Protein backbone atom coordinates (compact mmCIF):
# COMPACT_ATOMS: atom_id res chain seq x y z
CA MET A 1 -59.97 183.02 226.63
CA GLU A 2 -63.48 181.75 225.93
CA VAL A 3 -64.48 178.09 226.13
CA ILE A 4 -64.41 176.61 222.62
CA LEU A 5 -65.23 173.00 223.53
CA LYS A 6 -67.39 171.80 226.42
CA ILE A 7 -68.01 168.13 227.21
CA GLU A 8 -70.70 167.25 229.75
CA ASN A 9 -71.44 163.79 231.19
CA LEU A 10 -70.18 162.06 228.04
CA SER A 11 -70.48 158.25 227.98
CA LYS A 12 -70.21 155.64 225.25
CA GLN A 13 -71.49 152.09 225.56
CA TYR A 14 -70.83 149.18 223.23
CA ARG A 15 -72.31 145.71 223.00
CA LEU A 16 -69.50 143.18 222.77
CA GLY A 17 -69.35 141.14 219.59
CA LEU A 18 -72.56 142.47 218.02
CA VAL A 19 -73.92 145.59 216.36
CA GLY A 20 -76.91 147.24 218.02
CA THR A 21 -78.60 145.48 220.91
CA GLY A 22 -78.29 142.13 219.18
CA THR A 23 -81.82 140.80 219.63
CA LEU A 24 -85.27 141.88 218.46
CA SER A 25 -86.57 141.79 222.03
CA ASP A 26 -83.82 144.16 223.21
CA ASP A 27 -84.53 146.52 220.29
CA PHE A 28 -88.26 146.48 221.08
CA LYS A 29 -87.58 147.07 224.77
CA ARG A 30 -85.36 150.07 223.98
CA TRP A 31 -88.02 151.50 221.61
CA TRP A 32 -90.82 150.94 224.15
CA TYR A 33 -88.93 152.85 226.86
CA LYS A 34 -88.07 155.64 224.41
CA ILE A 35 -91.67 156.38 223.25
CA ARG A 36 -92.77 156.55 226.91
CA GLY A 37 -90.04 159.11 227.64
CA LYS A 38 -88.14 156.79 229.94
CA GLU A 39 -84.38 156.23 230.19
CA ASP A 40 -82.83 153.55 227.98
CA PRO A 41 -82.86 150.39 230.18
CA PHE A 42 -79.52 149.25 228.76
CA LEU A 43 -77.77 152.30 230.19
CA LYS A 44 -78.17 150.78 233.65
CA ILE A 45 -76.07 147.75 232.82
CA GLY A 46 -72.58 147.25 231.50
CA ASP A 47 -69.10 146.57 232.82
CA SER A 48 -66.26 149.04 233.11
CA ASN A 49 -63.73 149.32 230.29
CA ASP A 50 -61.11 147.00 231.81
CA ARG A 51 -59.88 144.55 229.15
CA SER A 52 -57.81 142.59 231.70
CA LEU A 53 -60.92 141.33 233.53
CA CYS A 54 -63.32 138.60 232.47
CA GLN A 55 -66.76 140.11 233.12
CA ASP A 56 -70.29 138.82 232.69
CA SER A 57 -72.16 141.64 230.95
CA ASP A 58 -72.50 141.80 227.16
CA TYR A 59 -72.22 145.58 227.42
CA VAL A 60 -69.11 147.63 228.15
CA TRP A 61 -68.64 151.33 228.85
CA ALA A 62 -65.82 152.55 226.61
CA LEU A 63 -66.25 155.99 228.23
CA GLN A 64 -68.08 156.99 231.41
CA GLU A 65 -69.04 160.41 232.74
CA ILE A 66 -66.40 162.45 230.89
CA ASN A 67 -66.47 166.16 231.79
CA PHE A 68 -63.99 168.86 230.78
CA ASP A 69 -63.73 172.26 229.10
CA VAL A 70 -61.19 173.41 226.52
CA ARG A 71 -60.40 177.07 226.03
CA GLU A 72 -59.32 178.79 222.85
CA GLY A 73 -55.59 178.38 222.13
CA GLU A 74 -55.08 175.49 224.58
CA VAL A 75 -53.19 172.32 223.62
CA ILE A 76 -54.68 169.44 225.59
CA GLY A 77 -52.83 166.14 225.86
CA ILE A 78 -54.97 163.03 226.33
CA ILE A 79 -52.92 160.13 227.66
CA GLY A 80 -53.60 156.65 228.96
CA LYS A 81 -52.88 152.99 228.34
CA ASN A 82 -54.11 151.09 225.28
CA GLY A 83 -57.86 150.56 225.60
CA ALA A 84 -58.37 153.46 228.03
CA GLY A 85 -60.85 155.19 225.69
CA LYS A 86 -58.67 157.87 224.10
CA SER A 87 -59.47 157.07 220.48
CA THR A 88 -63.16 156.59 221.26
CA LEU A 89 -63.26 160.07 222.79
CA LEU A 90 -61.61 161.63 219.74
CA LYS A 91 -63.95 159.77 217.37
CA ILE A 92 -66.93 161.19 219.25
CA LEU A 93 -65.45 164.69 219.14
CA SER A 94 -64.83 164.27 215.40
CA ARG A 95 -68.42 163.02 214.91
CA VAL A 96 -67.27 159.68 213.56
CA THR A 97 -69.46 158.00 216.16
CA SER A 98 -72.13 159.34 218.51
CA PRO A 99 -72.15 159.28 222.31
CA THR A 100 -74.57 157.09 224.22
CA THR A 101 -75.24 159.87 226.73
CA GLY A 102 -73.98 163.38 227.32
CA GLU A 103 -73.43 166.55 225.30
CA ILE A 104 -70.62 168.15 223.32
CA LYS A 105 -70.76 171.89 222.66
CA THR A 106 -68.28 173.33 220.16
CA LYS A 107 -67.59 176.61 218.44
CA GLY A 108 -66.04 176.50 214.98
CA ARG A 109 -64.72 173.81 212.67
CA ILE A 110 -63.11 170.58 213.85
CA ALA A 111 -60.45 168.83 211.73
CA SER A 112 -59.20 165.43 212.83
CA LEU A 113 -56.36 163.05 212.06
CA LEU A 114 -57.41 159.80 213.69
CA GLU A 115 -55.93 156.89 211.74
CA VAL A 116 -53.69 156.44 208.72
CA GLY A 117 -55.76 157.35 205.67
CA THR A 118 -58.84 158.49 207.58
CA GLY A 119 -60.90 160.92 205.50
CA PHE A 120 -59.15 160.05 202.23
CA HIS A 121 -60.85 158.42 199.26
CA PRO A 122 -58.32 155.84 197.99
CA GLU A 123 -59.30 156.26 194.33
CA LEU A 124 -58.89 160.05 194.36
CA THR A 125 -55.53 161.74 193.91
CA GLY A 126 -53.79 163.59 196.71
CA LYS A 127 -54.88 166.94 195.24
CA GLU A 128 -58.52 165.83 194.87
CA ASN A 129 -58.51 164.64 198.48
CA ILE A 130 -57.27 168.06 199.62
CA TYR A 131 -60.34 169.66 197.99
CA LEU A 132 -62.63 166.92 199.33
CA ASN A 133 -61.48 167.47 202.92
CA GLY A 134 -61.74 171.22 202.57
CA ALA A 135 -65.30 170.92 201.28
CA ILE A 136 -66.22 168.67 204.22
CA LEU A 137 -64.88 171.40 206.54
CA GLY A 138 -67.17 173.91 204.82
CA MET A 139 -64.46 175.83 202.95
CA THR A 140 -64.98 177.35 199.52
CA LYS A 141 -62.93 176.28 196.51
CA ALA A 142 -61.10 179.62 196.54
CA GLU A 143 -60.15 179.20 200.21
CA ILE A 144 -58.77 175.71 199.56
CA LYS A 145 -56.92 176.91 196.45
CA SER A 146 -55.10 179.56 198.51
CA LYS A 147 -53.78 176.86 200.85
CA GLU A 148 -53.03 174.16 198.28
CA SER A 149 -49.35 174.97 197.66
CA GLU A 150 -48.60 175.21 201.41
CA ILE A 151 -50.23 171.82 202.02
CA VAL A 152 -48.35 170.12 199.19
CA ASN A 153 -44.98 171.62 200.17
CA PHE A 154 -45.39 170.74 203.86
CA SER A 155 -46.41 167.16 203.09
CA GLY A 156 -43.35 166.57 200.88
CA CYS A 157 -45.55 164.69 198.38
CA THR A 158 -45.19 167.15 195.48
CA ARG A 159 -44.17 164.52 192.97
CA TYR A 160 -47.08 162.22 193.83
CA ILE A 161 -49.84 164.77 194.41
CA ASP A 162 -51.65 163.74 191.17
CA THR A 163 -51.39 160.03 192.02
CA PRO A 164 -54.30 158.15 193.72
CA VAL A 165 -53.64 157.92 197.47
CA LYS A 166 -54.18 154.16 197.40
CA ARG A 167 -50.64 154.00 195.99
CA TYR A 168 -49.17 156.06 198.84
CA SER A 169 -47.16 154.52 201.64
CA SER A 170 -48.55 154.87 205.19
CA GLY A 171 -45.97 157.57 205.90
CA MET A 172 -46.99 159.59 202.82
CA ARG A 173 -50.66 159.34 203.78
CA VAL A 174 -49.95 160.62 207.28
CA ARG A 175 -47.86 163.48 205.91
CA LEU A 176 -50.59 164.60 203.54
CA ALA A 177 -53.39 164.04 206.05
CA PHE A 178 -51.62 166.11 208.71
CA ALA A 179 -50.87 168.89 206.23
CA VAL A 180 -54.53 168.97 205.14
CA ALA A 181 -55.80 169.03 208.73
CA ALA A 182 -53.30 171.67 209.89
CA PHE A 183 -53.37 174.11 206.96
CA LEU A 184 -57.12 174.21 206.32
CA GLU A 185 -57.38 176.42 209.43
CA PRO A 186 -59.71 174.46 211.72
CA ASP A 187 -60.68 176.04 215.02
CA ILE A 188 -60.03 172.72 216.77
CA LEU A 189 -57.41 170.24 215.53
CA VAL A 190 -57.77 166.66 216.81
CA ILE A 191 -54.66 164.47 216.46
CA ASP A 192 -54.55 160.79 217.43
CA GLU A 193 -51.40 158.64 217.74
CA VAL A 194 -50.54 158.71 214.03
CA LEU A 195 -47.40 160.85 213.99
CA ALA A 196 -45.40 157.81 215.10
CA VAL A 197 -45.78 156.52 211.54
CA GLY A 198 -43.78 159.48 210.21
CA ASP A 199 -40.01 159.73 210.17
CA ALA A 200 -37.92 161.92 212.47
CA ASP A 201 -37.90 164.91 210.13
CA PHE A 202 -41.67 164.90 209.71
CA GLN A 203 -42.28 164.47 213.45
CA LYS A 204 -40.24 167.60 214.15
CA LYS A 205 -42.12 169.53 211.46
CA ALA A 206 -45.50 168.34 212.77
CA ILE A 207 -44.71 169.24 216.38
CA GLY A 208 -43.49 172.66 215.26
CA LYS A 209 -46.63 173.24 213.19
CA MET A 210 -48.90 172.31 216.11
CA GLN A 211 -47.05 174.82 218.28
CA ASP A 212 -47.53 177.48 215.60
CA ILE A 213 -51.25 176.65 215.36
CA SER A 214 -51.80 177.01 219.10
CA LYS A 215 -49.42 179.85 220.01
CA GLY A 216 -49.20 181.83 216.79
CA GLU A 217 -52.74 181.40 215.47
CA GLY A 218 -54.57 180.89 218.79
CA ARG A 219 -56.22 177.66 217.69
CA THR A 220 -57.02 174.66 219.87
CA VAL A 221 -55.32 171.25 219.63
CA LEU A 222 -56.35 167.94 221.22
CA PHE A 223 -53.37 165.59 221.08
CA VAL A 224 -53.32 161.86 221.91
CA SER A 225 -49.91 160.24 222.22
CA HIS A 226 -47.97 157.57 224.06
CA ASN A 227 -44.84 159.68 223.66
CA MET A 228 -44.51 161.55 226.92
CA ALA A 229 -41.68 163.75 225.65
CA ALA A 230 -43.92 165.09 222.88
CA VAL A 231 -46.82 165.59 225.31
CA LYS A 232 -44.65 167.51 227.79
CA SER A 233 -43.13 169.66 225.07
CA LEU A 234 -46.36 170.52 223.30
CA CYS A 235 -49.29 170.48 225.72
CA THR A 236 -50.40 173.20 228.13
CA ARG A 237 -52.64 170.78 230.05
CA ALA A 238 -53.24 167.03 230.08
CA ILE A 239 -55.96 164.52 230.91
CA VAL A 240 -55.29 160.93 232.00
CA LEU A 241 -57.88 158.30 231.04
CA GLU A 242 -58.13 154.93 232.75
CA HIS A 243 -60.81 152.30 232.02
CA GLY A 244 -62.92 154.94 230.24
CA LYS A 245 -62.85 157.48 233.07
CA ILE A 246 -60.85 160.63 233.75
CA VAL A 247 -58.55 159.88 236.68
CA PHE A 248 -56.45 163.04 236.46
CA SER A 249 -56.78 166.47 234.82
CA GLY A 250 -54.33 169.30 235.27
CA ASN A 251 -50.72 170.36 234.79
CA THR A 252 -48.93 168.42 232.01
CA ASP A 253 -45.89 167.42 234.09
CA GLU A 254 -48.10 166.18 236.93
CA ALA A 255 -50.35 164.29 234.51
CA VAL A 256 -47.38 162.57 232.84
CA SER A 257 -45.95 161.66 236.24
CA TYR A 258 -49.34 160.26 237.33
CA TYR A 259 -49.60 158.18 234.14
CA LEU A 260 -46.04 156.85 234.28
CA LYS A 261 -46.28 155.81 237.90
CA GLY A 262 -49.18 153.50 237.04
CA ASP A 263 -48.70 150.28 238.98
CA ALA A 264 -45.03 151.02 239.68
CA LYS A 265 -45.33 150.16 243.34
CA THR A 266 -46.52 146.63 242.55
CA ASN A 267 -44.30 146.06 239.51
CA ASN A 268 -41.04 147.41 240.92
CA VAL A 269 -41.23 145.65 244.30
CA LYS A 270 -41.78 141.97 244.97
CA ILE A 271 -42.17 140.88 248.61
CA PHE A 272 -42.32 137.12 249.10
CA ASN A 273 -44.49 135.55 251.76
CA HIS A 274 -43.12 133.00 254.20
CA ASN A 275 -42.23 129.76 252.36
CA GLU A 276 -43.24 131.27 248.97
CA ILE A 277 -39.75 130.89 247.49
CA GLU A 278 -37.80 128.73 249.92
CA THR A 279 -35.69 125.58 249.91
CA PRO A 280 -33.49 124.00 252.63
CA ILE A 281 -30.64 126.08 251.13
CA PHE A 282 -32.17 129.56 250.89
CA SER A 283 -35.21 131.79 251.23
CA LEU A 284 -35.91 134.77 248.97
CA ARG A 285 -37.31 137.73 250.91
CA LYS A 286 -37.67 140.71 248.58
CA LEU A 287 -36.72 142.20 245.20
CA ILE A 288 -36.67 145.92 244.35
CA VAL A 289 -35.96 147.73 241.08
CA LYS A 290 -35.75 151.53 241.24
CA ASN A 291 -33.70 154.53 240.23
CA GLU A 292 -30.80 155.35 242.51
CA GLY A 293 -31.89 158.01 245.00
CA ARG A 294 -35.60 157.64 244.17
CA GLY A 295 -38.50 155.76 245.71
CA VAL A 296 -40.10 152.56 244.44
CA GLU A 297 -43.29 154.47 243.59
CA ASP A 298 -41.44 156.69 241.10
CA PRO A 299 -41.24 155.73 237.41
CA ILE A 300 -37.88 154.25 236.40
CA SER A 301 -36.05 156.63 234.07
CA GLU A 302 -33.31 155.49 231.72
CA ASN A 303 -31.45 158.76 232.40
CA LEU A 304 -30.53 157.73 235.96
CA ASN A 305 -28.69 154.78 237.50
CA ILE A 306 -31.01 151.82 238.11
CA ASP A 307 -30.61 149.66 241.24
CA LEU A 308 -31.67 146.02 241.51
CA LYS A 309 -31.78 144.98 245.17
CA THR A 310 -32.03 141.32 246.19
CA PHE A 311 -32.74 140.30 249.79
CA ILE A 312 -31.89 136.62 250.20
CA ASP A 313 -31.45 134.44 253.31
CA ILE A 314 -28.77 131.75 252.85
CA LYS A 315 -29.31 128.81 255.22
CA SER A 316 -26.45 126.60 254.03
CA ASP A 317 -23.35 126.10 256.18
CA ALA A 318 -21.31 126.63 253.01
CA PRO A 319 -22.74 129.92 251.59
CA GLU A 320 -19.65 130.48 249.43
CA ARG A 321 -20.85 127.65 247.15
CA TYR A 322 -23.80 129.72 245.96
CA HIS A 323 -24.31 132.86 243.91
CA VAL A 324 -27.22 134.78 242.37
CA THR A 325 -27.67 135.04 238.59
CA TYR A 326 -30.34 136.86 236.58
CA HIS A 327 -31.38 136.58 232.96
CA LEU A 328 -32.95 139.71 231.45
CA TYR A 329 -35.74 139.45 228.85
CA ASN A 330 -37.64 142.05 226.82
CA GLU A 331 -41.43 142.26 226.54
CA ILE A 332 -41.60 139.71 223.70
CA GLY A 333 -39.50 137.14 225.55
CA ASP A 334 -36.14 137.62 223.85
CA ALA A 335 -33.16 136.98 226.15
CA LEU A 336 -30.96 140.09 226.24
CA PHE A 337 -28.15 139.13 228.61
CA SER A 338 -27.32 137.49 231.95
CA PHE A 339 -25.47 138.91 234.94
CA SER A 340 -24.21 137.29 238.11
CA SER A 341 -22.99 138.20 241.59
CA ALA A 342 -20.06 135.82 241.05
CA ARG A 343 -18.67 137.97 238.23
CA GLY A 344 -18.59 140.92 240.58
CA GLY A 345 -16.46 138.94 243.05
CA LEU A 346 -19.30 138.92 245.59
CA GLU A 347 -19.34 136.10 248.13
CA LEU A 348 -22.60 135.36 249.94
CA LYS A 349 -22.68 134.91 253.70
CA GLN A 350 -24.87 132.78 255.92
CA GLY A 351 -28.02 134.63 256.96
CA VAL A 352 -29.77 137.55 255.26
CA ASN A 353 -27.83 139.12 252.38
CA SER A 354 -28.77 142.48 250.89
CA ILE A 355 -27.29 142.50 247.38
CA SER A 356 -27.29 145.54 245.12
CA CYS A 357 -26.58 145.55 241.38
CA THR A 358 -26.42 148.94 239.65
CA PHE A 359 -27.02 149.55 235.95
CA PRO A 360 -25.41 152.78 234.71
CA LYS A 361 -27.59 155.61 233.44
CA ASP A 362 -28.46 155.59 229.73
CA PHE A 363 -27.76 151.85 229.56
CA PHE A 364 -31.36 150.74 228.99
CA GLN A 365 -33.68 151.83 226.23
CA SER A 366 -37.21 152.64 227.33
CA GLY A 367 -39.38 149.53 227.44
CA GLU A 368 -40.65 146.71 229.64
CA TYR A 369 -38.25 144.12 231.02
CA TYR A 370 -38.53 140.81 232.88
CA LEU A 371 -36.02 139.07 235.14
CA THR A 372 -35.57 135.35 235.69
CA PHE A 373 -33.89 134.44 238.99
CA PHE A 374 -31.30 131.67 239.44
CA LEU A 375 -29.49 130.44 242.53
CA ILE A 376 -26.39 128.70 241.18
CA GLU A 377 -24.51 126.03 243.13
CA ASP A 378 -20.76 125.48 242.64
CA ARG A 379 -20.81 127.69 239.52
CA LYS A 380 -22.22 124.85 237.41
CA ARG A 381 -25.69 123.76 238.56
CA ALA A 382 -28.91 125.73 239.00
CA HIS A 383 -30.24 124.95 242.48
CA PHE A 384 -33.37 127.04 241.89
CA ILE A 385 -34.97 128.88 238.91
CA GLU A 386 -37.97 131.24 238.91
CA LYS A 387 -39.00 132.70 235.54
CA ASP A 388 -40.34 136.28 235.28
CA ILE A 389 -39.86 136.79 238.99
CA ILE A 390 -40.20 140.57 238.62
CA ASN A 391 -40.88 142.98 235.78
CA PHE A 392 -40.17 146.68 235.47
CA THR A 393 -40.74 149.45 232.94
CA VAL A 394 -38.03 151.92 231.96
CA ILE A 395 -39.20 155.25 230.55
CA ASP A 396 -37.60 158.29 229.01
CA ALA A 397 -39.62 161.46 229.52
CA GLU A 398 -36.64 163.79 229.53
CA ARG A 399 -35.78 164.22 225.86
CA ALA A 400 -35.73 167.81 224.68
CA LEU A 401 -37.83 169.16 221.85
CA GLY A 402 -36.06 169.00 218.52
CA VAL A 403 -34.79 165.43 218.75
CA TYR A 404 -36.35 162.30 217.30
CA PHE A 405 -39.48 161.35 219.23
CA GLY A 406 -39.46 157.76 218.02
CA ARG A 407 -37.84 154.89 219.86
CA GLU A 408 -34.24 154.15 218.92
CA PRO A 409 -33.54 150.55 217.82
CA GLY A 410 -32.49 147.89 220.28
CA TYR A 411 -32.87 147.55 224.05
CA ILE A 412 -29.56 148.68 225.52
CA ARG A 413 -27.29 151.63 224.79
CA PRO A 414 -23.74 150.77 225.92
CA ASN A 415 -21.45 153.75 226.43
CA PHE A 416 -18.39 152.91 224.35
CA LYS A 417 -15.08 154.74 224.42
CA TRP A 418 -14.51 156.93 221.35
CA GLU A 419 -11.22 158.53 220.40
CA LEU A 420 -10.08 160.76 217.56
CA HIS A 421 -6.58 159.99 216.27
CA ASP A 422 -4.44 162.24 214.14
């Protein structure tokens, strides 16, 4: 298979808060270097694309030194955290914005689906927008006409196709936009994280169509998603972006595993220094959250039992008066439930206690969770409280193709007993 897309030394720099360089002196300096054939002086400055850090420079590199090739018929997954540079890369590939440095070499037409409503004129009808997008791709009216019925039927917007798209819901816009991008036969189809707006039925149709495009028609797809199940099912290869740089490129399963591990070793384990959490009654040594039978560096999957291990040193001469309680919170701070060693009939002993609490598989929904630690005295008074003492992320990368790729409602999935009675 020949290379259909080649990216060499691609970088994109932005000035924070302002358009352009921001001052007349900076603009003049850039122009003066340019007419003398010298490198732009502002390319030598700028902080990395790490939104968690407070940095001094007014410039930031959204992308830095991106290099990769894409061959005909490949489906490339581009994954990474929010702010990693995924959407910026796709906007450059779609020619929505230009790179600061580097080259992009392509063969054939590129169709993109970047954001809800991108490429649609709100005052035009759905049908008029189909012809507008086709014309932008360089297609003749006859070519677009031959695809019109397929696009309308796939989108499910038949009744509203002669209505201005400004009256469409976000889901209808995504349906029509995907149908336009997929059926107008681009050589390269660029899809950003917009399919999540669609319902379960449309997600299945879209994933199936992308597979047909790549395998059946031999076209190339670049796919950005936070849904690892969709990435694993669809992509032949994946790239992981972090702070605007490629940190991994290769096999899809390995790339997903690399991405999901993230900072697991620091999030899933908390080791407390001497006197960090200590009173005359107790000293907390270590907390671990991990899947049963797996290491702390592995991502925590909801499909396996999850172990919470607490290592606590009880100094009191009456250890039976104390027990450990946790409150579990979701990522927006809602309390989900509490659980306690006392309810399990566990009695602490003097000295170091290694306590294990096991959550059954398929109990948690995927998401980020926080634990607040309590040491309770005499079952009625909190001797010690530490909020958000440890956090952990539960993922589900095991769902098979053909099921809903969205997140189910709620945070836990209790396994109830069901019976059928005559």
